[in-house]
Amino acid sequence: MKAIVKGALAAGVLLIVAAGFMAGLRSPSPTPERKQTLTIAAASDLKFALDEFLVEFRARHPDAAIQVTYGSSGNFLAQISNGAPFDVFLSADVAYPRKLAEQGLVDEKDPVFLYAVGRIVVWVPKGSPLAVESLGMEALREPAAKRIAIANPQHAPYGRAAEAALKSLGVYDAVKDRLVLGENIAQTAQFVQSGSADAGIIALALALAPAMKGQGRYWEVPLEAYPRMEQGGALLKRAAAPELARQFRDELLGAQGRALLQRYGFSLPGE
């Protein structure tokens, strides 16, 4: 009797295993598809404009993972030259992606492109005694401007523009010992916004951003006071998601992207 029961149980187990095996053959478990990842190295002046642009871009490309790193364009040039795995480089100076193209690191099918022209302003907190609106760059001579923030001219295009404007408008020698250097233009803006500096020469795009717009006053530096800041980008040869990178580039240069850049104070190429 015991042998009969054991045999029945064994047969039942075999039937269950066989049924499970056959079910597995009929409906295999789907393997989840890996998301495409787009990695972008972007100049710090693009922080707010690009974050806003990417809200809709992500909505249009829900199967893509977008990763953005903001920083100094000169530092990105060095990192990408040394193998940093970015798909797209958006620089505050078009000369940097052109250098990458000379090194053979840019996709030959997609040449370096221009996307904007940067502007600089002298920015002070709302309660500052410095009358930048009426005095312009001359306000930086005032004793109240004890610390003046600019981006580091050694590797930040906005720092070079600020230094050039200070020199061309005749105030550099008077203020050079009061300059505080930010690693990039976003850190420079943070210095003056937080009170670590009394005034700063920053990107108009940051002065117009929601985080700073209501907190300060600014004077727009005349375009003739510093070299034209043509901002450019490139799709990198080692891109892991080249087609997604092209879609990003095309949408940034499209009507919506251009309108957004203008809203954040950028001029457009050709203007």
Protein backbone atom coordinates (compact mmCIF):
# COMPACT_ATOMS: atom_id res chain seq x y z
CA MET A 1 0.00 0.00 0.00
CA LYS A 2 2.84 2.35 0.95
CA ALA A 3 4.59 1.61 -2.35
CA ILE A 4 1.40 2.49 -4.28
CA VAL A 5 1.09 5.85 -2.44
CA LYS A 6 4.76 6.66 -3.01
CA GLY A 7 4.45 5.82 -6.68
CA ALA A 8 1.40 8.03 -7.06
CA LEU A 9 3.12 10.93 -5.35
CA ALA A 10 6.20 10.57 -7.54
CA ALA A 11 4.06 10.49 -10.66
CA GLY A 12 2.23 13.61 -9.51
CA VAL A 13 5.49 15.47 -8.94
CA LEU A 14 6.71 14.48 -12.39
CA LEU A 15 3.47 15.72 -13.96
CA ILE A 16 3.79 19.10 -12.17
CA VAL A 17 7.44 19.50 -13.23
CA ALA A 18 6.59 18.55 -16.80
CA ALA A 19 3.67 20.98 -16.89
CA GLY A 20 5.86 23.78 -15.57
CA PHE A 21 8.55 22.97 -18.13
CA MET A 22 6.03 22.99 -21.00
CA ALA A 23 4.52 26.26 -19.77
CA GLY A 24 7.99 27.75 -19.77
CA LEU A 25 8.44 26.66 -23.39
CA ARG A 26 5.07 28.14 -24.40
CA SER A 27 5.54 31.55 -22.74
CA PRO A 28 9.16 32.45 -22.00
CA SER A 29 9.75 35.27 -19.50
CA PRO A 30 10.46 38.50 -21.38
CA THR A 31 13.96 39.90 -20.90
CA PRO A 32 13.72 43.59 -19.98
CA GLU A 33 15.31 45.79 -22.63
CA ARG A 34 18.20 47.95 -21.48
CA LYS A 35 17.57 51.67 -21.70
CA GLN A 36 19.74 53.71 -24.01
CA THR A 37 21.85 56.11 -21.96
CA LEU A 38 22.78 59.53 -23.33
CA THR A 39 25.64 61.23 -21.47
CA ILE A 40 26.08 64.97 -21.95
CA ALA A 41 28.95 67.23 -20.84
CA ALA A 42 27.54 70.77 -20.74
CA ALA A 43 28.91 74.21 -19.92
CA SER A 44 27.64 75.52 -16.57
CA ASP A 45 25.82 78.48 -18.14
CA LEU A 46 23.38 75.97 -19.67
CA LYS A 47 22.30 74.55 -16.31
CA PHE A 48 18.80 76.04 -16.09
CA ALA A 49 18.00 76.26 -19.80
CA LEU A 50 19.10 72.69 -20.51
CA ASP A 51 17.35 71.28 -17.43
CA GLU A 52 14.12 72.81 -18.70
CA PHE A 53 14.72 71.56 -22.25
CA LEU A 54 15.34 68.03 -20.98
CA VAL A 55 11.96 67.82 -19.24
CA GLU A 56 10.22 67.63 -22.62
CA PHE A 57 13.03 65.71 -24.31
CA ARG A 58 12.74 62.95 -21.69
CA ALA A 59 8.96 62.92 -22.17
CA ARG A 60 9.47 62.43 -25.93
CA HIS A 61 12.07 59.70 -25.32
CA PRO A 62 10.75 57.74 -22.32
CA ASP A 63 12.95 54.74 -23.05
CA ALA A 64 16.15 56.78 -22.76
CA ALA A 65 18.18 57.62 -19.66
CA ILE A 66 19.70 61.10 -19.91
CA GLN A 67 22.69 61.99 -17.75
CA VAL A 68 24.08 65.55 -17.74
CA THR A 69 27.26 66.78 -16.08
CA TYR A 70 27.74 70.55 -15.84
CA GLY A 71 31.16 72.14 -15.49
CA SER A 72 33.96 74.15 -17.02
CA SER A 73 34.31 73.72 -20.78
CA GLY A 74 38.12 73.70 -20.53
CA ASN A 75 38.03 70.91 -17.96
CA PHE A 76 35.67 68.91 -20.18
CA LEU A 77 38.09 69.34 -23.09
CA ALA A 78 40.86 67.76 -21.01
CA GLN A 79 38.60 64.96 -19.73
CA ILE A 80 37.25 64.03 -23.17
CA SER A 81 40.77 64.16 -24.67
CA ASN A 82 41.75 61.62 -22.00
CA GLY A 83 38.89 59.24 -22.72
CA ALA A 84 35.93 60.46 -20.63
CA PRO A 85 32.86 58.55 -21.97
CA PHE A 86 30.51 61.34 -23.08
CA ASP A 87 28.17 61.19 -26.08
CA VAL A 88 27.65 64.96 -26.51
CA PHE A 89 29.77 67.97 -25.58
CA LEU A 90 28.13 71.41 -25.29
CA SER A 91 30.87 73.99 -24.79
CA ALA A 92 30.78 77.67 -23.87
CA ASP A 93 33.52 78.15 -26.48
CA VAL A 94 33.22 76.52 -29.90
CA ALA A 95 37.03 76.37 -30.06
CA TYR A 96 37.02 73.42 -27.63
CA PRO A 97 34.88 71.01 -29.68
CA ARG A 98 36.89 72.09 -32.73
CA LYS A 99 40.05 70.98 -30.91
CA LEU A 100 38.42 67.62 -30.26
CA ALA A 101 37.61 67.36 -33.97
CA GLU A 102 41.28 68.01 -34.76
CA GLN A 103 42.15 65.13 -32.41
CA GLY A 104 39.80 62.83 -34.34
CA LEU A 105 37.38 62.49 -31.39
CA VAL A 106 34.28 63.93 -33.12
CA ASP A 107 31.94 61.89 -35.33
CA GLU A 108 33.05 62.69 -38.90
CA LYS A 109 29.46 62.43 -40.18
CA ASP A 110 28.33 65.20 -37.82
CA PRO A 111 30.51 68.32 -37.81
CA VAL A 112 30.89 70.71 -34.89
CA PHE A 113 27.78 72.91 -34.57
CA LEU A 114 27.00 76.34 -33.11
CA TYR A 115 24.02 76.56 -30.77
CA ALA A 116 24.21 79.98 -29.05
CA VAL A 117 26.14 83.17 -28.33
CA GLY A 118 26.78 83.89 -24.65
CA ARG A 119 26.37 87.23 -22.86
CA ILE A 120 27.85 88.50 -19.58
CA VAL A 121 26.49 90.83 -16.90
CA VAL A 122 27.69 92.48 -13.70
CA TRP A 123 25.40 91.05 -11.00
CA VAL A 124 24.88 92.19 -7.40
CA PRO A 125 22.40 91.08 -4.71
CA LYS A 126 19.19 93.08 -4.49
CA GLY A 127 20.24 94.92 -1.29
CA SER A 128 23.72 95.84 -2.52
CA PRO A 129 24.77 99.52 -2.31
CA LEU A 130 26.51 99.14 -5.68
CA ALA A 131 24.57 101.07 -8.36
CA VAL A 132 25.38 98.76 -11.26
CA GLU A 133 22.37 99.86 -13.32
CA SER A 134 23.69 103.45 -13.58
CA LEU A 135 27.45 102.99 -13.15
CA GLY A 136 27.96 99.73 -15.02
CA MET A 137 31.47 98.32 -14.70
CA GLU A 138 32.58 101.48 -12.90
CA ALA A 139 30.53 100.34 -9.88
CA LEU A 140 33.25 97.76 -9.21
CA ARG A 141 35.66 100.56 -8.24
CA GLU A 142 33.49 101.34 -5.20
CA PRO A 143 34.82 100.35 -1.73
CA ALA A 144 31.70 98.20 -1.21
CA ALA A 145 32.95 95.84 -3.93
CA LYS A 146 35.52 94.16 -1.69
CA ARG A 147 35.33 90.80 -3.47
CA ILE A 148 34.43 90.43 -7.14
CA ALA A 149 33.74 86.97 -8.50
CA ILE A 150 34.65 85.87 -12.02
CA ALA A 151 35.18 82.40 -13.46
CA ASN A 152 38.75 81.20 -13.74
CA PRO A 153 40.07 82.54 -17.08
CA GLN A 154 42.50 79.62 -17.33
CA HIS A 155 39.79 77.15 -18.32
CA ALA A 156 36.39 78.92 -18.26
CA PRO A 157 35.36 80.90 -21.36
CA TYR A 158 33.16 83.17 -19.24
CA GLY A 159 36.19 83.97 -17.10
CA ARG A 160 38.15 85.03 -20.17
CA ALA A 161 35.23 87.18 -21.29
CA ALA A 162 34.98 88.82 -17.85
CA GLU A 163 38.72 89.54 -17.74
CA ALA A 164 38.64 90.97 -21.27
CA ALA A 165 35.68 93.22 -20.37
CA LEU A 166 37.39 94.49 -17.21
CA LYS A 167 40.46 95.39 -19.26
CA SER A 168 38.66 96.96 -22.22
CA LEU A 169 36.48 99.09 -19.93
CA GLY A 170 39.52 100.28 -18.00
CA VAL A 171 38.86 98.90 -14.51
CA TYR A 172 41.01 95.76 -14.40
CA ASP A 173 44.05 97.32 -12.68
CA ALA A 174 41.81 98.87 -10.01
CA VAL A 175 40.08 95.59 -9.12
CA LYS A 176 42.51 92.76 -10.00
CA ASP A 177 43.52 92.24 -6.35
CA ARG A 178 39.86 91.82 -5.35
CA LEU A 179 39.01 89.11 -7.84
CA VAL A 180 37.69 85.78 -6.53
CA LEU A 181 37.88 82.94 -9.07
CA GLY A 182 35.16 80.33 -9.46
CA GLU A 183 35.89 76.91 -10.94
CA ASN A 184 33.15 77.56 -13.51
CA ILE A 185 30.47 80.18 -14.15
CA ALA A 186 27.88 78.39 -11.98
CA GLN A 187 30.20 78.43 -8.97
CA THR A 188 31.00 82.08 -9.71
CA ALA A 189 27.28 82.91 -9.57
CA GLN A 190 26.98 80.93 -6.35
CA PHE A 191 29.77 83.00 -4.76
CA VAL A 192 27.94 86.28 -5.28
CA GLN A 193 24.48 84.84 -4.64
CA SER A 194 25.58 83.44 -1.28
CA GLY A 195 27.39 86.61 -0.18
CA SER A 196 30.90 85.16 -0.50
CA ALA A 197 31.50 87.92 -3.06
CA ASP A 198 29.98 91.42 -3.26
CA ALA A 199 29.60 91.43 -7.04
CA GLY A 200 30.16 89.05 -9.89
CA ILE A 201 30.52 88.97 -13.64
CA ILE A 202 28.31 86.05 -14.65
CA ALA A 203 26.37 84.66 -17.60
CA LEU A 204 23.18 86.49 -18.51
CA ALA A 205 21.58 83.03 -18.74
CA LEU A 206 22.18 82.51 -15.01
CA ALA A 207 21.02 86.02 -14.08
CA LEU A 208 17.71 85.26 -15.83
CA ALA A 209 17.29 81.84 -14.21
CA PRO A 210 14.50 81.46 -11.63
CA ALA A 211 17.04 80.81 -8.85
CA MET A 212 18.65 84.25 -9.30
CA LYS A 213 16.18 86.43 -11.17
CA GLY A 214 14.41 87.84 -8.12
CA GLN A 215 17.46 87.97 -5.91
CA GLY A 216 19.60 90.58 -7.60
CA ARG A 217 20.19 93.37 -10.08
CA TYR A 218 22.48 93.41 -13.08
CA TRP A 219 24.03 95.50 -15.83
CA GLU A 220 24.54 93.92 -19.23
CA VAL A 221 28.13 94.29 -20.44
CA PRO A 222 28.25 95.69 -24.01
CA LEU A 223 29.07 93.03 -26.60
CA GLU A 224 31.95 95.09 -27.97
CA ALA A 225 33.71 94.96 -24.58
CA TYR A 226 34.73 91.28 -24.93
CA PRO A 227 35.33 88.75 -27.71
CA ARG A 228 32.20 87.21 -29.19
CA MET A 229 31.31 84.09 -27.18
CA GLU A 230 30.24 81.58 -29.82
CA GLN A 231 29.09 78.43 -28.05
CA GLY A 232 29.30 75.15 -29.89
CA GLY A 233 28.88 71.44 -29.52
CA ALA A 234 29.92 68.11 -30.94
CA LEU A 235 28.74 64.50 -31.11
CA LEU A 236 31.66 62.39 -29.97
CA LYS A 237 33.01 59.50 -31.98
CA ARG A 238 32.95 57.05 -29.06
CA ALA A 239 29.28 57.81 -28.28
CA ALA A 240 27.42 54.78 -26.93
CA ALA A 241 24.08 56.09 -28.27
CA PRO A 242 24.92 57.95 -31.50
CA GLU A 243 21.38 58.04 -32.91
CA LEU A 244 19.94 59.38 -29.66
CA ALA A 245 22.73 61.95 -29.57
CA ARG A 246 21.74 63.13 -33.07
CA GLN A 247 18.09 63.42 -32.01
CA PHE A 248 19.14 65.49 -29.00
CA ARG A 249 21.26 67.77 -31.19
CA ASP A 250 18.53 68.21 -33.77
CA GLU A 251 15.87 69.04 -31.16
CA LEU A 252 18.16 71.50 -29.34
CA LEU A 253 18.78 73.30 -32.64
CA GLY A 254 15.09 73.17 -33.58
CA ALA A 255 12.48 75.85 -33.07
CA GLN A 256 11.65 74.93 -29.46
CA GLY A 257 15.26 74.67 -28.39
CA ARG A 258 16.21 77.98 -30.01
CA ALA A 259 13.24 79.78 -28.42
CA LEU A 260 14.21 78.42 -25.00
CA LEU A 261 17.83 79.54 -25.38
CA GLN A 262 16.67 83.03 -26.36
CA ARG A 263 14.42 83.17 -23.31
CA TYR A 264 17.45 82.52 -21.14
CA GLY A 265 19.35 85.44 -22.66
CA PHE A 266 21.41 83.69 -25.31
CA SER A 267 21.73 85.20 -28.76
CA LEU A 268 21.49 82.77 -31.66
CA PRO A 269 24.21 82.12 -34.23
CA GLY A 270 23.87 84.49 -37.17
CA GLU A 271 22.19 87.26 -35.14
